[in-house]
Amino acid sequence: MMIHFYVASLILLVQLLGSAAFVTKSSLNVVTQYSSSPSCLRAVELEPEPEGGEELTPVKTMAGARMKNMGEASGVTSDEGTVYKFWLTAKAEGALLKSIHSDVLKESAKKANFPGFRKGQVPPYAMPQIRGFAVQEGIVQTCQSAVDAFGLKSLKGSDGEVEVLEDIPEVAKDYKLGDDVQFTATFNAVLD
């Protein structure tokens, strides 16, 4: 069940306090790019849209999402057809993020045992990790939805990794529960 995955991931995240590790349940692995430049307070600037590429038309409705086929991916092959590199900008809906956050919080309160706290009580120091996990998982689910909405097939393993171009820990740090999160990403996939 997905909730058990959240709790296991949350416990791992709490054990990794201070690190930027994220564990996700997905055939789309997410790799975040960490920028060395200082970012603005309360805002993370989106990476600019790349030049060129062919704008794709979604086969299913996905509000606020745009995707470009940037051409054939170099050094990547698949038995399912030609592999292309895609650029995506999309919005992880605030309602989705809030739902994930709520599920993780409920399950961690039920099952997690934080030293020094009564069973069922989530300590304040765990809240940033819970929020970060909710943002990360919301982005993963949005990427999976986008692949489906634009009629693509994701690749398995490291060839199918999604590179989120924004600094996800910074986005999560400034995230307010219920807000949408706009992001950009690149990944390899096959046209379905």
C-alpha atoms as a PDB file:
ATOM      1  CA  MET A   1       0.000   0.000   0.000  1.00  0.00           C
ATOM      2  CA  MET A   2       1.301   3.454  -0.894  1.00  0.00           C
ATOM      3  CA  ILE A   3       0.874   4.817   2.658  1.00  0.00           C
ATOM      4  CA  HIS A   4       3.291   2.224   4.070  1.00  0.00           C
ATOM      5  CA  PHE A   5       5.845   3.367   1.529  1.00  0.00           C
ATOM      6  CA  TYR A   6       5.406   6.950   2.755  1.00  0.00           C
ATOM      7  CA  VAL A   7       6.007   5.945   6.370  1.00  0.00           C
ATOM      8  CA  ALA A   8       9.078   3.882   5.516  1.00  0.00           C
ATOM      9  CA  SER A   9      10.418   6.775   3.460  1.00  0.00           C
ATOM     10  CA  LEU A  10       9.635   9.268   6.210  1.00  0.00           C
ATOM     11  CA  ILE A  11      11.480   7.182   8.789  1.00  0.00           C
ATOM     12  CA  LEU A  12      14.452   6.995   6.443  1.00  0.00           C
ATOM     13  CA  LEU A  13      14.289  10.761   5.914  1.00  0.00           C
ATOM     14  CA  VAL A  14      14.179  11.420   9.639  1.00  0.00           C
ATOM     15  CA  GLN A  15      17.245   9.223  10.062  1.00  0.00           C
ATOM     16  CA  LEU A  16      18.963  11.245   7.370  1.00  0.00           C
ATOM     17  CA  LEU A  17      18.218  14.595   9.052  1.00  0.00           C
ATOM     18  CA  GLY A  18      20.115  17.389   7.428  1.00  0.00           C
ATOM     19  CA  SER A  19      20.705  15.570   4.163  1.00  0.00           C
ATOM     20  CA  ALA A  20      18.913  16.186   0.905  1.00  0.00           C
ATOM     21  CA  ALA A  21      18.088  12.547   0.170  1.00  0.00           C
ATOM     22  CA  PHE A  22      14.661  11.643  -1.148  1.00  0.00           C
ATOM     23  CA  VAL A  23      13.213   8.190  -1.617  1.00  0.00           C
ATOM     24  CA  THR A  24      10.429   7.773  -4.122  1.00  0.00           C
ATOM     25  CA  LYS A  25       8.191   4.961  -5.368  1.00  0.00           C
ATOM     26  CA  SER A  26       8.293   5.248  -9.091  1.00  0.00           C
ATOM     27  CA  SER A  27       9.608   3.832 -12.321  1.00  0.00           C
ATOM     28  CA  LEU A  28      10.560   7.447 -12.979  1.00  0.00           C
ATOM     29  CA  ASN A  29      13.600   8.138 -10.837  1.00  0.00           C
ATOM     30  CA  VAL A  30      14.048  11.790  -9.947  1.00  0.00           C
ATOM     31  CA  VAL A  31      17.437  13.453  -9.890  1.00  0.00           C
ATOM     32  CA  THR A  32      17.645  16.974  -8.590  1.00  0.00           C
ATOM     33  CA  GLN A  33      20.190  19.494  -9.745  1.00  0.00           C
ATOM     34  CA  TYR A  34      21.607  21.622  -6.972  1.00  0.00           C
ATOM     35  CA  SER A  35      22.582  25.134  -7.954  1.00  0.00           C
ATOM     36  CA  SER A  36      25.561  26.843  -6.359  1.00  0.00           C
ATOM     37  CA  SER A  37      24.116  30.318  -6.875  1.00  0.00           C
ATOM     38  CA  PRO A  38      22.176  31.941  -4.042  1.00  0.00           C
ATOM     39  CA  SER A  39      18.431  31.921  -4.587  1.00  0.00           C
ATOM     40  CA  CYS A  40      15.903  34.617  -3.823  1.00  0.00           C
ATOM     41  CA  LEU A  41      14.068  34.645  -0.533  1.00  0.00           C
ATOM     42  CA  ARG A  42      10.659  32.916  -0.668  1.00  0.00           C
ATOM     43  CA  ALA A  43      11.005  32.145  -4.388  1.00  0.00           C
ATOM     44  CA  VAL A  44      12.943  29.751  -6.600  1.00  0.00           C
ATOM     45  CA  GLU A  45      13.377  30.910 -10.163  1.00  0.00           C
ATOM     46  CA  LEU A  46      12.462  28.419 -12.878  1.00  0.00           C
ATOM     47  CA  GLU A  47      15.119  27.395 -15.342  1.00  0.00           C
ATOM     48  CA  PRO A  48      14.549  29.107 -18.716  1.00  0.00           C
ATOM     49  CA  GLU A  49      12.893  27.269 -21.578  1.00  0.00           C
ATOM     50  CA  PRO A  50      15.459  25.775 -23.965  1.00  0.00           C
ATOM     51  CA  GLU A  51      15.740  27.014 -27.531  1.00  0.00           C
ATOM     52  CA  GLY A  52      14.365  24.833 -30.301  1.00  0.00           C
ATOM     53  CA  GLY A  53      12.506  21.600 -29.939  1.00  0.00           C
ATOM     54  CA  GLU A  54       9.048  20.664 -31.125  1.00  0.00           C
ATOM     55  CA  GLU A  55       6.100  21.590 -28.868  1.00  0.00           C
ATOM     56  CA  LEU A  56       3.948  18.533 -28.122  1.00  0.00           C
ATOM     57  CA  THR A  57       0.171  18.537 -27.960  1.00  0.00           C
ATOM     58  CA  PRO A  58      -1.233  16.590 -25.008  1.00  0.00           C
ATOM     59  CA  VAL A  59      -3.489  13.621 -25.784  1.00  0.00           C
ATOM     60  CA  LYS A  60      -5.147  14.078 -22.364  1.00  0.00           C
ATOM     61  CA  THR A  61      -5.843  17.352 -20.600  1.00  0.00           C
ATOM     62  CA  MET A  62      -3.164  18.500 -18.160  1.00  0.00           C
ATOM     63  CA  ALA A  63      -3.569  22.118 -17.107  1.00  0.00           C
ATOM     64  CA  GLY A  64      -0.424  24.218 -16.860  1.00  0.00           C
ATOM     65  CA  ALA A  65       1.865  21.677 -18.522  1.00  0.00           C
ATOM     66  CA  ARG A  66       3.992  22.161 -21.633  1.00  0.00           C
ATOM     67  CA  MET A  67       6.354  19.683 -23.200  1.00  0.00           C
ATOM     68  CA  LYS A  68       8.917  19.841 -25.991  1.00  0.00           C
ATOM     69  CA  ASN A  69      10.604  17.052 -27.906  1.00  0.00           C
ATOM     70  CA  MET A  70      14.241  18.184 -27.951  1.00  0.00           C
ATOM     71  CA  GLY A  71      15.315  15.518 -30.442  1.00  0.00           C
ATOM     72  CA  GLU A  72      16.789  12.061 -30.357  1.00  0.00           C
ATOM     73  CA  ALA A  73      18.620  11.192 -27.123  1.00  0.00           C
ATOM     74  CA  SER A  74      22.265  10.326 -27.654  1.00  0.00           C
ATOM     75  CA  GLY A  75      23.626   7.065 -26.276  1.00  0.00           C
ATOM     76  CA  VAL A  76      20.240   5.717 -25.147  1.00  0.00           C
ATOM     77  CA  THR A  77      18.395   2.867 -26.851  1.00  0.00           C
ATOM     78  CA  SER A  78      15.164   0.995 -26.215  1.00  0.00           C
ATOM     79  CA  ASP A  79      13.477  -2.059 -27.683  1.00  0.00           C
ATOM     80  CA  GLU A  80      10.241  -0.045 -27.759  1.00  0.00           C
ATOM     81  CA  GLY A  81      11.410   2.499 -30.344  1.00  0.00           C
ATOM     82  CA  THR A  82      13.492   5.616 -30.780  1.00  0.00           C
ATOM     83  CA  VAL A  83      14.378   7.376 -27.528  1.00  0.00           C
ATOM     84  CA  TYR A  84      13.919  11.146 -27.424  1.00  0.00           C
ATOM     85  CA  LYS A  85      14.893  13.778 -24.895  1.00  0.00           C
ATOM     86  CA  PHE A  86      11.964  15.847 -23.585  1.00  0.00           C
ATOM     87  CA  TRP A  87      11.708  19.135 -21.696  1.00  0.00           C
ATOM     88  CA  LEU A  88       8.718  19.640 -19.413  1.00  0.00           C
ATOM     89  CA  THR A  89       7.305  22.489 -17.404  1.00  0.00           C
ATOM     90  CA  ALA A  90       4.390  21.607 -15.165  1.00  0.00           C
ATOM     91  CA  LYS A  91       2.642  22.445 -11.954  1.00  0.00           C
ATOM     92  CA  ALA A  92       2.331  20.014  -9.044  1.00  0.00           C
ATOM     93  CA  GLU A  93      -1.144  20.861  -7.755  1.00  0.00           C
ATOM     94  CA  GLY A  94      -1.378  22.166  -4.204  1.00  0.00           C
ATOM     95  CA  ALA A  95      -4.273  19.786  -3.464  1.00  0.00           C
ATOM     96  CA  LEU A  96      -2.121  16.785  -4.447  1.00  0.00           C
ATOM     97  CA  LEU A  97       0.783  17.991  -2.317  1.00  0.00           C
ATOM     98  CA  LYS A  98      -1.529  18.669   0.619  1.00  0.00           C
ATOM     99  CA  SER A  99      -3.052  15.195   0.304  1.00  0.00           C
ATOM    100  CA  ILE A 100       0.373  13.517   0.234  1.00  0.00           C
ATOM    101  CA  HIS A 101       1.503  15.636   3.202  1.00  0.00           C
ATOM    102  CA  SER A 102      -1.637  14.721   5.149  1.00  0.00           C
ATOM    103  CA  ASP A 103      -1.289  10.987   4.405  1.00  0.00           C
ATOM    104  CA  VAL A 104       2.364  10.930   5.452  1.00  0.00           C
ATOM    105  CA  LEU A 105       1.632  12.897   8.609  1.00  0.00           C
ATOM    106  CA  LYS A 106      -1.270  10.610   9.608  1.00  0.00           C
ATOM    107  CA  GLU A 107       0.657   7.416   8.984  1.00  0.00           C
ATOM    108  CA  SER A 108       3.809   8.651  10.697  1.00  0.00           C
ATOM    109  CA  ALA A 109       1.740   9.644  13.735  1.00  0.00           C
ATOM    110  CA  LYS A 110       0.230   6.131  13.811  1.00  0.00           C
ATOM    111  CA  LYS A 111       3.328   4.043  13.216  1.00  0.00           C
ATOM    112  CA  ALA A 112       6.543   5.986  13.668  1.00  0.00           C
ATOM    113  CA  ASN A 113       8.180   6.009  17.076  1.00  0.00           C
ATOM    114  CA  PHE A 114      10.310   9.123  17.496  1.00  0.00           C
ATOM    115  CA  PRO A 115      12.714   8.907  20.456  1.00  0.00           C
ATOM    116  CA  GLY A 116      11.758  11.355  23.191  1.00  0.00           C
ATOM    117  CA  PHE A 117       8.195  11.782  21.925  1.00  0.00           C
ATOM    118  CA  ARG A 118       5.026   9.916  22.785  1.00  0.00           C
ATOM    119  CA  LYS A 119       3.742   7.432  20.256  1.00  0.00           C
ATOM    120  CA  GLY A 120       1.459   9.283  17.841  1.00  0.00           C
ATOM    121  CA  GLN A 121       3.305  12.581  18.189  1.00  0.00           C
ATOM    122  CA  VAL A 122       5.401  13.878  15.288  1.00  0.00           C
ATOM    123  CA  PRO A 123       8.213  16.157  16.484  1.00  0.00           C
ATOM    124  CA  PRO A 124       8.655  19.617  14.956  1.00  0.00           C
ATOM    125  CA  TYR A 125      12.110  18.725  13.626  1.00  0.00           C
ATOM    126  CA  ALA A 126      10.510  16.100  11.329  1.00  0.00           C
ATOM    127  CA  MET A 127       8.075  18.541   9.701  1.00  0.00           C
ATOM    128  CA  PRO A 128      10.539  19.981   7.116  1.00  0.00           C
ATOM    129  CA  GLN A 129      11.375  16.427   5.995  1.00  0.00           C
ATOM    130  CA  ILE A 130       7.683  15.561   5.718  1.00  0.00           C
ATOM    131  CA  ARG A 131       7.045  18.728   3.697  1.00  0.00           C
ATOM    132  CA  GLY A 132      10.095  18.021   1.494  1.00  0.00           C
ATOM    133  CA  PHE A 133       8.955  14.484   0.873  1.00  0.00           C
ATOM    134  CA  ALA A 134       5.443  15.678  -0.044  1.00  0.00           C
ATOM    135  CA  VAL A 135       6.880  18.170  -2.569  1.00  0.00           C
ATOM    136  CA  GLN A 136       9.235  15.558  -4.047  1.00  0.00           C
ATOM    137  CA  GLU A 137       6.533  12.894  -4.322  1.00  0.00           C
ATOM    138  CA  GLY A 138       4.079  15.430  -5.794  1.00  0.00           C
ATOM    139  CA  ILE A 139       6.612  16.310  -8.500  1.00  0.00           C
ATOM    140  CA  VAL A 140       7.184  12.605  -9.249  1.00  0.00           C
ATOM    141  CA  GLN A 141       3.439  11.975  -9.576  1.00  0.00           C
ATOM    142  CA  THR A 142       3.038  15.067 -11.777  1.00  0.00           C
ATOM    143  CA  CYS A 143       5.859  13.864 -14.051  1.00  0.00           C
ATOM    144  CA  GLN A 144       4.196  10.455 -14.328  1.00  0.00           C
ATOM    145  CA  SER A 145       0.896  12.154 -15.206  1.00  0.00           C
ATOM    146  CA  ALA A 146       2.632  14.316 -17.818  1.00  0.00           C
ATOM    147  CA  VAL A 147       4.238  11.301 -19.497  1.00  0.00           C
ATOM    148  CA  ASP A 148       0.772   9.757 -19.746  1.00  0.00           C
ATOM    149  CA  ALA A 149      -0.960  13.006 -20.789  1.00  0.00           C
ATOM    150  CA  PHE A 150       1.471  13.593 -23.660  1.00  0.00           C
ATOM    151  CA  GLY A 151       1.266   9.992 -24.927  1.00  0.00           C
ATOM    152  CA  LEU A 152       4.791   8.914 -24.015  1.00  0.00           C
ATOM    153  CA  LYS A 153       6.272   5.712 -22.567  1.00  0.00           C
ATOM    154  CA  SER A 154       8.799   6.116 -19.778  1.00  0.00           C
ATOM    155  CA  LEU A 155      12.029   4.150 -19.818  1.00  0.00           C
ATOM    156  CA  LYS A 156      13.035   1.789 -17.049  1.00  0.00           C
ATOM    157  CA  GLY A 157      16.126   2.240 -14.889  1.00  0.00           C
ATOM    158  CA  SER A 158      18.598   5.091 -15.090  1.00  0.00           C
ATOM    159  CA  ASP A 159      17.722   5.785 -18.754  1.00  0.00           C
ATOM    160  CA  GLY A 160      14.282   6.924 -17.550  1.00  0.00           C
ATOM    161  CA  GLU A 161      15.514   9.309 -14.856  1.00  0.00           C
ATOM    162  CA  VAL A 162      13.806  12.661 -14.635  1.00  0.00           C
ATOM    163  CA  GLU A 163      16.107  15.578 -13.904  1.00  0.00           C
ATOM    164  CA  VAL A 164      14.247  18.319 -12.074  1.00  0.00           C
ATOM    165  CA  LEU A 165      16.083  21.523 -12.947  1.00  0.00           C
ATOM    166  CA  GLU A 166      15.167  23.476  -9.814  1.00  0.00           C
ATOM    167  CA  ASP A 167      16.745  22.971  -6.395  1.00  0.00           C
ATOM    168  CA  ILE A 168      14.039  20.795  -4.800  1.00  0.00           C
ATOM    169  CA  PRO A 169      15.250  21.154  -1.178  1.00  0.00           C
ATOM    170  CA  GLU A 170      15.105  24.937  -1.642  1.00  0.00           C
ATOM    171  CA  VAL A 171      11.622  24.714  -3.168  1.00  0.00           C
ATOM    172  CA  ALA A 172      10.484  22.508  -0.274  1.00  0.00           C
ATOM    173  CA  LYS A 173      11.975  24.883   2.284  1.00  0.00           C
ATOM    174  CA  ASP A 174       9.911  27.793   0.958  1.00  0.00           C
ATOM    175  CA  TYR A 175       6.790  25.722   0.243  1.00  0.00           C
ATOM    176  CA  LYS A 176       3.552  26.640   2.011  1.00  0.00           C
ATOM    177  CA  LEU A 177       1.032  23.815   2.400  1.00  0.00           C
ATOM    178  CA  GLY A 178      -1.663  23.987  -0.283  1.00  0.00           C
ATOM    179  CA  ASP A 179       0.359  26.048  -2.775  1.00  0.00           C
ATOM    180  CA  ASP A 180       1.054  24.770  -6.292  1.00  0.00           C
ATOM    181  CA  VAL A 181       4.689  24.085  -7.183  1.00  0.00           C
ATOM    182  CA  GLN A 182       5.829  25.013 -10.695  1.00  0.00           C
ATOM    183  CA  PHE A 183       8.912  23.138 -11.952  1.00  0.00           C
ATOM    184  CA  THR A 184      10.868  22.262 -15.077  1.00  0.00           C
ATOM    185  CA  ALA A 185      12.443  18.918 -15.890  1.00  0.00           C
ATOM    186  CA  THR A 186      14.140  16.921 -18.622  1.00  0.00           C
ATOM    187  CA  PHE A 187      13.902  13.203 -19.272  1.00  0.00           C
ATOM    188  CA  ASN A 188      14.212  10.519 -21.937  1.00  0.00           C
ATOM    189  CA  ALA A 189      11.156   8.644 -23.212  1.00  0.00           C
ATOM    190  CA  VAL A 190       9.672   6.865 -26.213  1.00  0.00           C
ATOM    191  CA  LEU A 191       6.675   8.082 -28.237  1.00  0.00           C
ATOM    192  CA  ASP A 192       3.766   5.729 -27.584  1.00  0.00           C
END
